[in-house]
Amino acid sequence: MTKMITCEHDNYPAISKVKYLMRDLPFTEIDVQSVLVSLMEITRNVLIHGGGRGQLICHKVTQGICLIVKDQGPWIENLDEILKGSKPSSSGLGLGISGTMRLMDAASINTSAKGTRVVAIKRYT
């Protein structure tokens, strides 16, 4: 599943599609909510910090689900501070990238002058 994120309203169909993709997988309700909160936080970052436009790719992986969110905004200058949670968010739940790293089982961030790419995976047991 691929979805463009260009405004806050794009998040709701994206959440519905991800939830639909997860419906047949044996995730707990807590795991589903972790994925959906992570999705909201990452896509909100795209809108606020990533140039206001991005792409969500979501697909099933072995024993889990993978979210890939890409934007073409400026690179994340203070990524280390953000990952440590020492730079609070001024909007949203304040979880952002650091929250996503805690809620998901595996995550990586690649950032450059050409944009940022976040890959996050949640596995079921």
PDB file of N, CA and C in Angstrom:
ATOM      1  N   MET A   1       0.830  -1.167   0.000  1.00  0.00           N
ATOM      2  CA  MET A   1       0.000   0.000   0.000  1.00  0.00           C
ATOM      3  C   MET A   1       0.881   1.239   0.000  1.00  0.00           C
ATOM      4  N   THR A   2       0.574   2.172  -0.857  1.00  0.00           N
ATOM      5  CA  THR A   2       1.291   3.440  -0.936  1.00  0.00           C
ATOM      6  C   THR A   2       0.281   4.572  -0.849  1.00  0.00           C
ATOM      7  N   LYS A   3       0.619   5.599  -0.073  1.00  0.00           N
ATOM      8  CA  LYS A   3      -0.290   6.739   0.102  1.00  0.00           C
ATOM      9  C   LYS A   3       0.534   8.012   0.197  1.00  0.00           C
ATOM     10  N   MET A   4       0.158   9.023  -0.570  1.00  0.00           N
ATOM     11  CA  MET A   4       0.801  10.329  -0.459  1.00  0.00           C
ATOM     12  C   MET A   4       0.239  11.048   0.769  1.00  0.00           C
ATOM     13  N   ILE A   5       1.108  11.751   1.473  1.00  0.00           N
ATOM     14  CA  ILE A   5       0.713  12.535   2.635  1.00  0.00           C
ATOM     15  C   ILE A   5       0.993  13.997   2.296  1.00  0.00           C
ATOM     16  N   THR A   6      -0.068  14.776   2.127  1.00  0.00           N
ATOM     17  CA  THR A   6       0.093  16.189   1.775  1.00  0.00           C
ATOM     18  C   THR A   6      -0.630  17.125   2.737  1.00  0.00           C
ATOM     19  N   CYS A   7      -1.495  16.568   3.574  1.00  0.00           N
ATOM     20  CA  CYS A   7      -2.208  17.377   4.566  1.00  0.00           C
ATOM     21  C   CYS A   7      -2.653  16.459   5.706  1.00  0.00           C
ATOM     22  N   GLU A   8      -3.063  17.067   6.801  1.00  0.00           N
ATOM     23  CA  GLU A   8      -3.488  16.315   7.988  1.00  0.00           C
ATOM     24  C   GLU A   8      -4.594  15.310   7.664  1.00  0.00           C
ATOM     25  N   HIS A   9      -5.478  15.672   6.750  1.00  0.00           N
ATOM     26  CA  HIS A   9      -6.599  14.789   6.403  1.00  0.00           C
ATOM     27  C   HIS A   9      -6.145  13.511   5.701  1.00  0.00           C
ATOM     28  N   ASP A  10      -4.956  13.499   5.130  1.00  0.00           N
ATOM     29  CA  ASP A  10      -4.441  12.280   4.493  1.00  0.00           C
ATOM     30  C   ASP A  10      -4.116  11.202   5.517  1.00  0.00           C
ATOM     31  N   ASN A  11      -3.916  11.605   6.767  1.00  0.00           N
ATOM     32  CA  ASN A  11      -3.583  10.631   7.813  1.00  0.00           C
ATOM     33  C   ASN A  11      -4.712   9.644   8.068  1.00  0.00           C
ATOM     34  N   TYR A  12      -5.942  10.102   7.993  1.00  0.00           N
ATOM     35  CA  TYR A  12      -7.070   9.245   8.370  1.00  0.00           C
ATOM     36  C   TYR A  12      -7.291   8.092   7.390  1.00  0.00           C
ATOM     37  N   PRO A  13      -7.275   8.324   6.072  1.00  0.00           N
ATOM     38  CA  PRO A  13      -7.357   7.175   5.157  1.00  0.00           C
ATOM     39  C   PRO A  13      -6.126   6.269   5.277  1.00  0.00           C
ATOM     40  N   ALA A  14      -4.969   6.871   5.557  1.00  0.00           N
ATOM     41  CA  ALA A  14      -3.754   6.065   5.720  1.00  0.00           C
ATOM     42  C   ALA A  14      -3.895   5.140   6.923  1.00  0.00           C
ATOM     43  N   ILE A  15      -4.398   5.668   8.024  1.00  0.00           N
ATOM     44  CA  ILE A  15      -4.614   4.851   9.224  1.00  0.00           C
ATOM     45  C   ILE A  15      -5.592   3.727   8.927  1.00  0.00           C
ATOM     46  N   SER A  16      -6.669   4.040   8.240  1.00  0.00           N
ATOM     47  CA  SER A  16      -7.659   3.009   7.896  1.00  0.00           C
ATOM     48  C   SER A  16      -7.046   1.912   7.044  1.00  0.00           C
ATOM     49  N   LYS A  17      -6.214   2.295   6.085  1.00  0.00           N
ATOM     50  CA  LYS A  17      -5.595   1.301   5.204  1.00  0.00           C
ATOM     51  C   LYS A  17      -4.599   0.429   5.956  1.00  0.00           C
ATOM     52  N   VAL A  18      -3.811   1.040   6.840  1.00  0.00           N
ATOM     53  CA  VAL A  18      -2.851   0.263   7.627  1.00  0.00           C
ATOM     54  C   VAL A  18      -3.596  -0.684   8.561  1.00  0.00           C
ATOM     55  N   LYS A  19      -4.629  -0.187   9.208  1.00  0.00           N
ATOM     56  CA  LYS A  19      -5.427  -1.034  10.105  1.00  0.00           C
ATOM     57  C   LYS A  19      -6.048  -2.197   9.329  1.00  0.00           C
ATOM     58  N   TYR A  20      -6.530  -1.925   8.130  1.00  0.00           N
ATOM     59  CA  TYR A  20      -7.105  -2.968   7.281  1.00  0.00           C
ATOM     60  C   TYR A  20      -6.045  -4.007   6.909  1.00  0.00           C
ATOM     61  N   LEU A  21      -4.845  -3.545   6.602  1.00  0.00           N
ATOM     62  CA  LEU A  21      -3.752  -4.448   6.249  1.00  0.00           C
ATOM     63  C   LEU A  21      -3.377  -5.347   7.433  1.00  0.00           C
ATOM     64  N   MET A  22      -3.537  -4.831   8.647  1.00  0.00           N
ATOM     65  CA  MET A  22      -3.168  -5.577   9.848  1.00  0.00           C
ATOM     66  C   MET A  22      -4.269  -6.515  10.337  1.00  0.00           C
ATOM     67  N   ARG A  23      -5.466  -6.416   9.797  1.00  0.00           N
ATOM     68  CA  ARG A  23      -6.639  -7.103  10.341  1.00  0.00           C
ATOM     69  C   ARG A  23      -6.476  -8.614  10.458  1.00  0.00           C
ATOM     70  N   ASP A  24      -5.795  -9.252   9.519  1.00  0.00           N
ATOM     71  CA  ASP A  24      -5.669 -10.713   9.532  1.00  0.00           C
ATOM     72  C   ASP A  24      -4.397 -11.200  10.219  1.00  0.00           C
ATOM     73  N   LEU A  25      -3.608 -10.274  10.727  1.00  0.00           N
ATOM     74  CA  LEU A  25      -2.365 -10.650  11.397  1.00  0.00           C
ATOM     75  C   LEU A  25      -2.621 -10.736  12.902  1.00  0.00           C
ATOM     76  N   PRO A  26      -1.922 -11.621  13.600  1.00  0.00           N
ATOM     77  CA  PRO A  26      -2.219 -11.838  15.023  1.00  0.00           C
ATOM     78  C   PRO A  26      -1.594 -10.803  15.968  1.00  0.00           C
ATOM     79  N   PHE A  27      -1.814  -9.527  15.673  1.00  0.00           N
ATOM     80  CA  PHE A  27      -1.339  -8.471  16.559  1.00  0.00           C
ATOM     81  C   PHE A  27      -2.299  -8.305  17.727  1.00  0.00           C
ATOM     82  N   THR A  28      -1.760  -7.935  18.887  1.00  0.00           N
ATOM     83  CA  THR A  28      -2.616  -7.551  20.005  1.00  0.00           C
ATOM     84  C   THR A  28      -3.174  -6.159  19.709  1.00  0.00           C
ATOM     85  N   GLU A  29      -4.214  -5.784  20.409  1.00  0.00           N
ATOM     86  CA  GLU A  29      -4.780  -4.440  20.228  1.00  0.00           C
ATOM     87  C   GLU A  29      -3.756  -3.371  20.606  1.00  0.00           C
ATOM     88  N   ILE A  30      -2.945  -3.651  21.608  1.00  0.00           N
ATOM     89  CA  ILE A  30      -1.894  -2.707  22.010  1.00  0.00           C
ATOM     90  C   ILE A  30      -0.890  -2.527  20.876  1.00  0.00           C
ATOM     91  N   ASP A  31      -0.515  -3.624  20.217  1.00  0.00           N
ATOM     92  CA  ASP A  31       0.414  -3.527  19.086  1.00  0.00           C
ATOM     93  C   ASP A  31      -0.189  -2.730  17.934  1.00  0.00           C
ATOM     94  N   VAL A  32      -1.464  -2.959  17.654  1.00  0.00           N
ATOM     95  CA  VAL A  32      -2.139  -2.202  16.587  1.00  0.00           C
ATOM     96  C   VAL A  32      -2.100  -0.714  16.919  1.00  0.00           C
ATOM     97  N   GLN A  33      -2.428  -0.370  18.157  1.00  0.00           N
ATOM     98  CA  GLN A  33      -2.417   1.040  18.553  1.00  0.00           C
ATOM     99  C   GLN A  33      -1.012   1.628  18.488  1.00  0.00           C
ATOM    100  N   SER A  34       0.002   0.840  18.838  1.00  0.00           N
ATOM    101  CA  SER A  34       1.387   1.310  18.741  1.00  0.00           C
ATOM    102  C   SER A  34       1.746   1.662  17.304  1.00  0.00           C
ATOM    103  N   VAL A  35       1.337   0.818  16.373  1.00  0.00           N
ATOM    104  CA  VAL A  35       1.605   1.075  14.954  1.00  0.00           C
ATOM    105  C   VAL A  35       0.878   2.334  14.501  1.00  0.00           C
ATOM    106  N   LEU A  36      -0.382   2.471  14.876  1.00  0.00           N
ATOM    107  CA  LEU A  36      -1.178   3.616  14.426  1.00  0.00           C
ATOM    108  C   LEU A  36      -0.687   4.932  15.029  1.00  0.00           C
ATOM    109  N   VAL A  37      -0.297   4.913  16.300  1.00  0.00           N
ATOM    110  CA  VAL A  37       0.269   6.119  16.921  1.00  0.00           C
ATOM    111  C   VAL A  37       1.590   6.474  16.244  1.00  0.00           C
ATOM    112  N   SER A  38       2.419   5.480  15.990  1.00  0.00           N
ATOM    113  CA  SER A  38       3.690   5.726  15.296  1.00  0.00           C
ATOM    114  C   SER A  38       3.450   6.335  13.925  1.00  0.00           C
ATOM    115  N   LEU A  39       2.500   5.781  13.212  1.00  0.00           N
ATOM    116  CA  LEU A  39       2.156   6.300  11.889  1.00  0.00           C
ATOM    117  C   LEU A  39       1.735   7.765  11.970  1.00  0.00           C
ATOM    118  N   MET A  40       0.864   8.095  12.916  1.00  0.00           N
ATOM    119  CA  MET A  40       0.412   9.485  13.073  1.00  0.00           C
ATOM    120  C   MET A  40       1.576  10.417  13.383  1.00  0.00           C
ATOM    121  N   GLU A  41       2.445   9.998  14.260  1.00  0.00           N
ATOM    122  CA  GLU A  41       3.570  10.848  14.646  1.00  0.00           C
ATOM    123  C   GLU A  41       4.543  11.062  13.486  1.00  0.00           C
ATOM    124  N   ILE A  42       4.852  10.005  12.764  1.00  0.00           N
ATOM    125  CA  ILE A  42       5.800  10.143  11.648  1.00  0.00           C
ATOM    126  C   ILE A  42       5.201  11.001  10.536  1.00  0.00           C
ATOM    127  N   THR A  43       3.946  10.756  10.197  1.00  0.00           N
ATOM    128  CA  THR A  43       3.346  11.540   9.114  1.00  0.00           C
ATOM    129  C   THR A  43       3.141  12.993   9.538  1.00  0.00           C
ATOM    130  N   ARG A  44       2.885  13.232  10.797  1.00  0.00           N
ATOM    131  CA  ARG A  44       2.788  14.618  11.281  1.00  0.00           C
ATOM    132  C   ARG A  44       4.141  15.309  11.140  1.00  0.00           C
ATOM    133  N   ASN A  45       5.215  14.585  11.418  1.00  0.00           N
ATOM    134  CA  ASN A  45       6.552  15.152  11.225  1.00  0.00           C
ATOM    135  C   ASN A  45       6.788  15.536   9.771  1.00  0.00           C
ATOM    136  N   VAL A  46       6.303  14.710   8.856  1.00  0.00           N
ATOM    137  CA  VAL A  46       6.430  15.024   7.427  1.00  0.00           C
ATOM    138  C   VAL A  46       5.765  16.365   7.132  1.00  0.00           C
ATOM    139  N   LEU A  47       4.565  16.546   7.650  1.00  0.00           N
ATOM    140  CA  LEU A  47       3.810  17.766   7.365  1.00  0.00           C
ATOM    141  C   LEU A  47       4.436  19.000   8.006  1.00  0.00           C
ATOM    142  N   ILE A  48       4.950  18.851   9.209  1.00  0.00           N
ATOM    143  CA  ILE A  48       5.485  20.002   9.937  1.00  0.00           C
ATOM    144  C   ILE A  48       6.938  20.287   9.575  1.00  0.00           C
ATOM    145  N   HIS A  49       7.763  19.244   9.506  1.00  0.00           N
ATOM    146  CA  HIS A  49       9.203  19.432   9.350  1.00  0.00           C
ATOM    147  C   HIS A  49       9.752  18.954   8.013  1.00  0.00           C
ATOM    148  N   GLY A  50       8.987  18.172   7.282  1.00  0.00           N
ATOM    149  CA  GLY A  50       9.507  17.520   6.083  1.00  0.00           C
ATOM    150  C   GLY A  50       9.071  18.118   4.771  1.00  0.00           C
ATOM    151  N   GLY A  51       8.788  19.391   4.779  1.00  0.00           N
ATOM    152  CA  GLY A  51       8.408  20.029   3.530  1.00  0.00           C
ATOM    153  C   GLY A  51       6.925  19.944   3.210  1.00  0.00           C
ATOM    154  N   GLY A  52       6.135  19.368   4.118  1.00  0.00           N
ATOM    155  CA  GLY A  52       4.690  19.335   3.931  1.00  0.00           C
ATOM    156  C   GLY A  52       4.179  18.311   2.948  1.00  0.00           C
ATOM    157  N   ARG A  53       5.065  17.439   2.514  1.00  0.00           N
ATOM    158  CA  ARG A  53       4.657  16.439   1.522  1.00  0.00           C
ATOM    159  C   ARG A  53       5.532  15.198   1.696  1.00  0.00           C
ATOM    160  N   GLY A  54       4.895  14.031   1.696  1.00  0.00           N
ATOM    161  CA  GLY A  54       5.660  12.806   1.845  1.00  0.00           C
ATOM    162  C   GLY A  54       4.901  11.612   1.315  1.00  0.00           C
ATOM    163  N   GLN A  55       5.509  10.468   1.484  1.00  0.00           N
ATOM    164  CA  GLN A  55       4.919   9.234   0.980  1.00  0.00           C
ATOM    165  C   GLN A  55       4.984   8.173   2.071  1.00  0.00           C
ATOM    166  N   LEU A  56       3.875   7.466   2.239  1.00  0.00           N
ATOM    167  CA  LEU A  56       3.803   6.326   3.155  1.00  0.00           C
ATOM    168  C   LEU A  56       3.730   5.059   2.322  1.00  0.00           C
ATOM    169  N   ILE A  57       4.582   4.112   2.656  1.00  0.00           N
ATOM    170  CA  ILE A  57       4.526   2.778   2.062  1.00  0.00           C
ATOM    171  C   ILE A  57       4.362   1.819   3.232  1.00  0.00           C
ATOM    172  N   CYS A  58       3.389   0.946   3.151  1.00  0.00           N
ATOM    173  CA  CYS A  58       3.139  -0.019   4.215  1.00  0.00           C
ATOM    174  C   CYS A  58       2.957  -1.388   3.589  1.00  0.00           C
ATOM    175  N   HIS A  59       3.634  -2.377   4.151  1.00  0.00           N
ATOM    176  CA  HIS A  59       3.472  -3.735   3.642  1.00  0.00           C
ATOM    177  C   HIS A  59       3.746  -4.742   4.747  1.00  0.00           C
ATOM    178  N   LYS A  60       3.235  -5.935   4.536  1.00  0.00           N
ATOM    179  CA  LYS A  60       3.472  -7.029   5.466  1.00  0.00           C
ATOM    180  C   LYS A  60       4.890  -7.542   5.269  1.00  0.00           C
ATOM    181  N   VAL A  61       5.518  -7.915   6.382  1.00  0.00           N
ATOM    182  CA  VAL A  61       6.819  -8.573   6.361  1.00  0.00           C
ATOM    183  C   VAL A  61       6.673  -9.861   7.163  1.00  0.00           C
ATOM    184  N   THR A  62       7.704 -10.685   7.178  1.00  0.00           N
ATOM    185  CA  THR A  62       7.651 -11.920   7.947  1.00  0.00           C
ATOM    186  C   THR A  62       7.338 -11.596   9.405  1.00  0.00           C
ATOM    187  N   GLN A  63       6.237 -12.108   9.890  1.00  0.00           N
ATOM    188  CA  GLN A  63       5.766 -11.914  11.264  1.00  0.00           C
ATOM    189  C   GLN A  63       5.602 -10.449  11.651  1.00  0.00           C
ATOM    190  N   GLY A  64       5.138  -9.620  10.718  1.00  0.00           N
ATOM    191  CA  GLY A  64       4.926  -8.237  11.104  1.00  0.00           C
ATOM    192  C   GLY A  64       4.466  -7.331   9.988  1.00  0.00           C
ATOM    193  N   ILE A  65       4.614  -6.051  10.264  1.00  0.00           N
ATOM    194  CA  ILE A  65       4.216  -5.011   9.320  1.00  0.00           C
ATOM    195  C   ILE A  65       5.310  -3.949   9.284  1.00  0.00           C
ATOM    196  N   CYS A  66       5.518  -3.375   8.119  1.00  0.00           N
ATOM    197  CA  CYS A  66       6.577  -2.390   7.918  1.00  0.00           C
ATOM    198  C   CYS A  66       5.972  -1.081   7.424  1.00  0.00           C
ATOM    199  N   LEU A  67       6.344   0.015   8.080  1.00  0.00           N
ATOM    200  CA  LEU A  67       5.977   1.358   7.642  1.00  0.00           C
ATOM    201  C   LEU A  67       7.229   2.033   7.098  1.00  0.00           C
ATOM    202  N   ILE A  68       7.128   2.617   5.931  1.00  0.00           N
ATOM    203  CA  ILE A  68       8.210   3.422   5.372  1.00  0.00           C
ATOM    204  C   ILE A  68       7.610   4.784   5.062  1.00  0.00           C
ATOM    205  N   VAL A  69       8.185   5.818   5.634  1.00  0.00           N
ATOM    206  CA  VAL A  69       7.707   7.177   5.388  1.00  0.00           C
ATOM    207  C   VAL A  69       8.883   7.991   4.872  1.00  0.00           C
ATOM    208  N   LYS A  70       8.666   8.628   3.715  1.00  0.00           N
ATOM    209  CA  LYS A  70       9.718   9.418   3.074  1.00  0.00           C
ATOM    210  C   LYS A  70       9.226  10.839   2.846  1.00  0.00           C
ATOM    211  N   ASP A  71      10.141  11.797   2.982  1.00  0.00           N
ATOM    212  CA  ASP A  71       9.825  13.174   2.619  1.00  0.00           C
ATOM    213  C   ASP A  71      11.025  13.776   1.899  1.00  0.00           C
ATOM    214  N   GLN A  72      10.859  14.985   1.416  1.00  0.00           N
ATOM    215  CA  GLN A  72      11.937  15.675   0.711  1.00  0.00           C
ATOM    216  C   GLN A  72      12.298  16.975   1.413  1.00  0.00           C
ATOM    217  N   GLY A  73      12.028  17.018   2.699  1.00  0.00           N
ATOM    218  CA  GLY A  73      12.331  18.212   3.480  1.00  0.00           C
ATOM    219  C   GLY A  73      13.801  18.276   3.850  1.00  0.00           C
ATOM    220  N   PRO A  74      14.162  19.291   4.624  1.00  0.00           N
ATOM    221  CA  PRO A  74      15.555  19.434   5.047  1.00  0.00           C
ATOM    222  C   PRO A  74      15.953  18.300   5.993  1.00  0.00           C
ATOM    223  N   TRP A  75      17.217  18.007   6.037  1.00  0.00           N
ATOM    224  CA  TRP A  75      17.694  16.941   6.905  1.00  0.00           C
ATOM    225  C   TRP A  75      17.427  17.285   8.363  1.00  0.00           C
ATOM    226  N   ILE A  76      17.394  16.259   9.189  1.00  0.00           N
ATOM    227  CA  ILE A  76      17.132  16.443  10.621  1.00  0.00           C
ATOM    228  C   ILE A  76      18.461  16.775  11.284  1.00  0.00           C
ATOM    229  N   GLU A  77      18.599  18.034  11.635  1.00  0.00           N
ATOM    230  CA  GLU A  77      19.870  18.552  12.137  1.00  0.00           C
ATOM    231  C   GLU A  77      20.250  17.975  13.501  1.00  0.00           C
ATOM    232  N   ASN A  78      19.293  17.838  14.380  1.00  0.00           N
ATOM    233  CA  ASN A  78      19.557  17.427  15.761  1.00  0.00           C
ATOM    234  C   ASN A  78      19.001  16.032  16.041  1.00  0.00           C
ATOM    235  N   LEU A  79      19.246  15.104  15.156  1.00  0.00           N
ATOM    236  CA  LEU A  79      18.671  13.762  15.268  1.00  0.00           C
ATOM    237  C   LEU A  79      19.059  13.069  16.572  1.00  0.00           C
ATOM    238  N   ASP A  80      20.305  13.203  17.007  1.00  0.00           N
ATOM    239  CA  ASP A  80      20.729  12.553  18.253  1.00  0.00           C
ATOM    240  C   ASP A  80      19.914  13.035  19.449  1.00  0.00           C
ATOM    241  N   GLU A  81      19.687  14.350  19.536  1.00  0.00           N
ATOM    242  CA  GLU A  81      18.879  14.905  20.631  1.00  0.00           C
ATOM    243  C   GLU A  81      17.449  14.386  20.567  1.00  0.00           C
ATOM    244  N   ILE A  82      16.909  14.330  19.362  1.00  0.00           N
ATOM    245  CA  ILE A  82      15.533  13.867  19.178  1.00  0.00           C
ATOM    246  C   ILE A  82      15.406  12.409  19.600  1.00  0.00           C
ATOM    247  N   LEU A  83      16.354  11.583  19.191  1.00  0.00           N
ATOM    248  CA  LEU A  83      16.297  10.156  19.522  1.00  0.00           C
ATOM    249  C   LEU A  83      16.443   9.908  21.021  1.00  0.00           C
ATOM    250  N   LYS A  84      17.195  10.760  21.696  1.00  0.00           N
ATOM    251  CA  LYS A  84      17.340  10.639  23.148  1.00  0.00           C
ATOM    252  C   LYS A  84      16.104  11.140  23.883  1.00  0.00           C
ATOM    253  N   GLY A  85      15.237  11.852  23.165  1.00  0.00           N
ATOM    254  CA  GLY A  85      14.045  12.406  23.795  1.00  0.00           C
ATOM    255  C   GLY A  85      14.310  13.705  24.521  1.00  0.00           C
ATOM    256  N   SER A  86      15.487  14.310  24.303  1.00  0.00           N
ATOM    257  CA  SER A  86      15.822  15.547  25.010  1.00  0.00           C
ATOM    258  C   SER A  86      15.350  16.797  24.274  1.00  0.00           C
ATOM    259  N   LYS A  87      14.787  16.633  23.104  1.00  0.00           N
ATOM    260  CA  LYS A  87      14.230  17.765  22.355  1.00  0.00           C
ATOM    261  C   LYS A  87      12.732  17.551  22.236  1.00  0.00           C
ATOM    262  N   PRO A  88      11.941  18.210  23.090  1.00  0.00           N
ATOM    263  CA  PRO A  88      10.490  17.996  23.059  1.00  0.00           C
ATOM    264  C   PRO A  88       9.849  18.546  21.798  1.00  0.00           C
ATOM    265  N   SER A  89       8.766  17.918  21.399  1.00  0.00           N
ATOM    266  CA  SER A  89       8.001  18.358  20.238  1.00  0.00           C
ATOM    267  C   SER A  89       7.102  19.518  20.630  1.00  0.00           C
ATOM    268  N   SER A  90       6.909  20.431  19.697  1.00  0.00           N
ATOM    269  CA  SER A  90       6.027  21.566  19.963  1.00  0.00           C
ATOM    270  C   SER A  90       4.600  21.282  19.524  1.00  0.00           C
ATOM    271  N   SER A  91       4.380  20.113  18.916  1.00  0.00           N
ATOM    272  CA  SER A  91       3.034  19.777  18.436  1.00  0.00           C
ATOM    273  C   SER A  91       2.812  18.282  18.582  1.00  0.00           C
ATOM    274  N   GLY A  92       1.616  17.838  18.330  1.00  0.00           N
ATOM    275  CA  GLY A  92       1.312  16.405  18.386  1.00  0.00           C
ATOM    276  C   GLY A  92       1.383  15.879  19.804  1.00  0.00           C
ATOM    277  N   LEU A  93       1.629  14.591  19.915  1.00  0.00           N
ATOM    278  CA  LEU A  93       1.720  13.957  21.225  1.00  0.00           C
ATOM    279  C   LEU A  93       3.078  14.178  21.866  1.00  0.00           C
ATOM    280  N   GLY A  94       4.005  14.739  21.103  1.00  0.00           N
ATOM    281  CA  GLY A  94       5.341  14.933  21.615  1.00  0.00           C
ATOM    282  C   GLY A  94       6.180  13.677  21.506  1.00  0.00           C
ATOM    283  N   LEU A  95       5.666  12.657  20.832  1.00  0.00           N
ATOM    284  CA  LEU A  95       6.403  11.404  20.687  1.00  0.00           C
ATOM    285  C   LEU A  95       7.323  11.449  19.481  1.00  0.00           C
ATOM    286  N   GLY A  96       6.791  11.860  18.356  1.00  0.00           N
ATOM    287  CA  GLY A  96       7.579  11.988  17.141  1.00  0.00           C
ATOM    288  C   GLY A  96       8.440  10.775  16.860  1.00  0.00           C
ATOM    289  N   ILE A  97       9.646  11.042  16.419  1.00  0.00           N
ATOM    290  CA  ILE A  97      10.565   9.975  16.030  1.00  0.00           C
ATOM    291  C   ILE A  97      10.986   9.144  17.239  1.00  0.00           C
ATOM    292  N   SER A  98      11.299   9.794  18.360  1.00  0.00           N
ATOM    293  CA  SER A  98      11.762   9.023  19.525  1.00  0.00           C
ATOM    294  C   SER A  98      10.658   8.102  20.038  1.00  0.00           C
ATOM    295  N   GLY A  99       9.421   8.555  19.995  1.00  0.00           N
ATOM    296  CA  GLY A  99       8.306   7.704  20.399  1.00  0.00           C
ATOM    297  C   GLY A  99       8.123   6.524  19.474  1.00  0.00           C
ATOM    298  N   THR A 100       8.273   6.781  18.191  1.00  0.00           N
ATOM    299  CA  THR A 100       8.178   5.704  17.204  1.00  0.00           C
ATOM    300  C   THR A 100       9.253   4.658  17.459  1.00  0.00           C
ATOM    301  N   MET A 101      10.457   5.107  17.783  1.00  0.00           N
ATOM    302  CA  MET A 101      11.548   4.168  18.062  1.00  0.00           C
ATOM    303  C   MET A 101      11.210   3.290  19.266  1.00  0.00           C
ATOM    304  N   ARG A 102      10.504   3.834  20.244  1.00  0.00           N
ATOM    305  CA  ARG A 102      10.127   3.054  21.432  1.00  0.00           C
ATOM    306  C   ARG A 102       8.936   2.140  21.166  1.00  0.00           C
ATOM    307  N   LEU A 103       7.972   2.603  20.380  1.00  0.00           N
ATOM    308  CA  LEU A 103       6.745   1.834  20.147  1.00  0.00           C
ATOM    309  C   LEU A 103       6.910   0.682  19.161  1.00  0.00           C
ATOM    310  N   MET A 104       7.828   0.833  18.228  1.00  0.00           N
ATOM    311  CA  MET A 104       8.025  -0.182  17.196  1.00  0.00           C
ATOM    312  C   MET A 104       9.167  -1.107  17.612  1.00  0.00           C
ATOM    313  N   ASP A 105       9.235  -2.282  17.004  1.00  0.00           N
ATOM    314  CA  ASP A 105      10.266  -3.255  17.371  1.00  0.00           C
ATOM    315  C   ASP A 105      11.606  -2.978  16.703  1.00  0.00           C
ATOM    316  N   ALA A 106      11.566  -2.386  15.536  1.00  0.00           N
ATOM    317  CA  ALA A 106      12.792  -2.023  14.825  1.00  0.00           C
ATOM    318  C   ALA A 106      12.502  -0.755  14.040  1.00  0.00           C
ATOM    319  N   ALA A 107      13.481   0.143  14.001  1.00  0.00           N
ATOM    320  CA  ALA A 107      13.292   1.378  13.243  1.00  0.00           C
ATOM    321  C   ALA A 107      14.646   1.929  12.837  1.00  0.00           C
ATOM    322  N   SER A 108      14.658   2.584  11.695  1.00  0.00           N
ATOM    323  CA  SER A 108      15.874   3.252  11.239  1.00  0.00           C
ATOM    324  C   SER A 108      15.492   4.571  10.591  1.00  0.00           C
ATOM    325  N   ILE A 109      16.428   5.510  10.654  1.00  0.00           N
ATOM    326  CA  ILE A 109      16.206   6.831  10.075  1.00  0.00           C
ATOM    327  C   ILE A 109      17.420   7.186   9.235  1.00  0.00           C
ATOM    328  N   ASN A 110      17.171   7.539   7.995  1.00  0.00           N
ATOM    329  CA  ASN A 110      18.211   8.065   7.115  1.00  0.00           C
ATOM    330  C   ASN A 110      17.797   9.478   6.754  1.00  0.00           C
ATOM    331  N   THR A 111      18.669  10.441   7.004  1.00  0.00           N
ATOM    332  CA  THR A 111      18.333  11.828   6.722  1.00  0.00           C
ATOM    333  C   THR A 111      19.485  12.490   5.981  1.00  0.00           C
ATOM    334  N   SER A 112      19.137  13.314   5.010  1.00  0.00           N
ATOM    335  CA  SER A 112      20.132  14.041   4.218  1.00  0.00           C
ATOM    336  C   SER A 112      19.487  15.322   3.709  1.00  0.00           C
ATOM    337  N   ALA A 113      20.239  16.093   2.967  1.00  0.00           N
ATOM    338  CA  ALA A 113      19.707  17.328   2.386  1.00  0.00           C
ATOM    339  C   ALA A 113      18.576  17.043   1.401  1.00  0.00           C
ATOM    340  N   LYS A 114      18.498  15.821   0.915  1.00  0.00           N
ATOM    341  CA  LYS A 114      17.454  15.448  -0.048  1.00  0.00           C
ATOM    342  C   LYS A 114      16.180  14.948   0.618  1.00  0.00           C
ATOM    343  N   GLY A 115      16.205  14.773   1.936  1.00  0.00           N
ATOM    344  CA  GLY A 115      15.010  14.315   2.630  1.00  0.00           C
ATOM    345  C   GLY A 115      15.310  13.288   3.703  1.00  0.00           C
ATOM    346  N   THR A 116      14.253  12.783   4.291  1.00  0.00           N
ATOM    347  CA  THR A 116      14.359  11.821   5.385  1.00  0.00           C
ATOM    348  C   THR A 116      13.515  10.596   5.060  1.00  0.00           C
ATOM    349  N   ARG A 117      14.037   9.450   5.471  1.00  0.00           N
ATOM    350  CA  ARG A 117      13.337   8.181   5.277  1.00  0.00           C
ATOM    351  C   ARG A 117      13.324   7.445   6.611  1.00  0.00           C
ATOM    352  N   VAL A 118      12.130   7.137   7.096  1.00  0.00           N
ATOM    353  CA  VAL A 118      11.965   6.389   8.342  1.00  0.00           C
ATOM    354  C   VAL A 118      11.377   5.029   7.992  1.00  0.00           C
ATOM    355  N   VAL A 119      12.018   3.976   8.479  1.00  0.00           N
ATOM    356  CA  VAL A 119      11.513   2.616   8.307  1.00  0.00           C
ATOM    357  C   VAL A 119      11.249   2.075   9.710  1.00  0.00           C
ATOM    358  N   ALA A 120      10.026   1.615   9.948  1.00  0.00           N
ATOM    359  CA  ALA A 120       9.656   1.100  11.267  1.00  0.00           C
ATOM    360  C   ALA A 120       8.901  -0.218  11.101  1.00  0.00           C
ATOM    361  N   ILE A 121       9.280  -1.201  11.904  1.00  0.00           N
ATOM    362  CA  ILE A 121       8.681  -2.535  11.820  1.00  0.00           C
ATOM    363  C   ILE A 121       8.109  -2.930  13.173  1.00  0.00           C
ATOM    364  N   LYS A 122       6.915  -3.488  13.134  1.00  0.00           N
ATOM    365  CA  LYS A 122       6.291  -4.064  14.330  1.00  0.00           C
ATOM    366  C   LYS A 122       6.061  -5.539  14.047  1.00  0.00           C
ATOM    367  N   ARG A 123       6.490  -6.384  14.976  1.00  0.00           N
ATOM    368  CA  ARG A 123       6.346  -7.831  14.798  1.00  0.00           C
ATOM    369  C   ARG A 123       5.308  -8.383  15.776  1.00  0.00           C
ATOM    370  N   TYR A 124       4.664  -9.455  15.368  1.00  0.00           N
ATOM    371  CA  TYR A 124       3.763 -10.167  16.271  1.00  0.00           C
ATOM    372  C   TYR A 124       4.454 -11.446  16.712  1.00  0.00           C
ATOM    373  N   THR A 125       3.982 -12.004  17.822  1.00  0.00           N
ATOM    374  CA  THR A 125       4.613 -13.229  18.334  1.00  0.00           C
ATOM    375  C   THR A 125       3.684 -14.409  18.190  1.00  0.00           C
TER     376      THR A 125
END
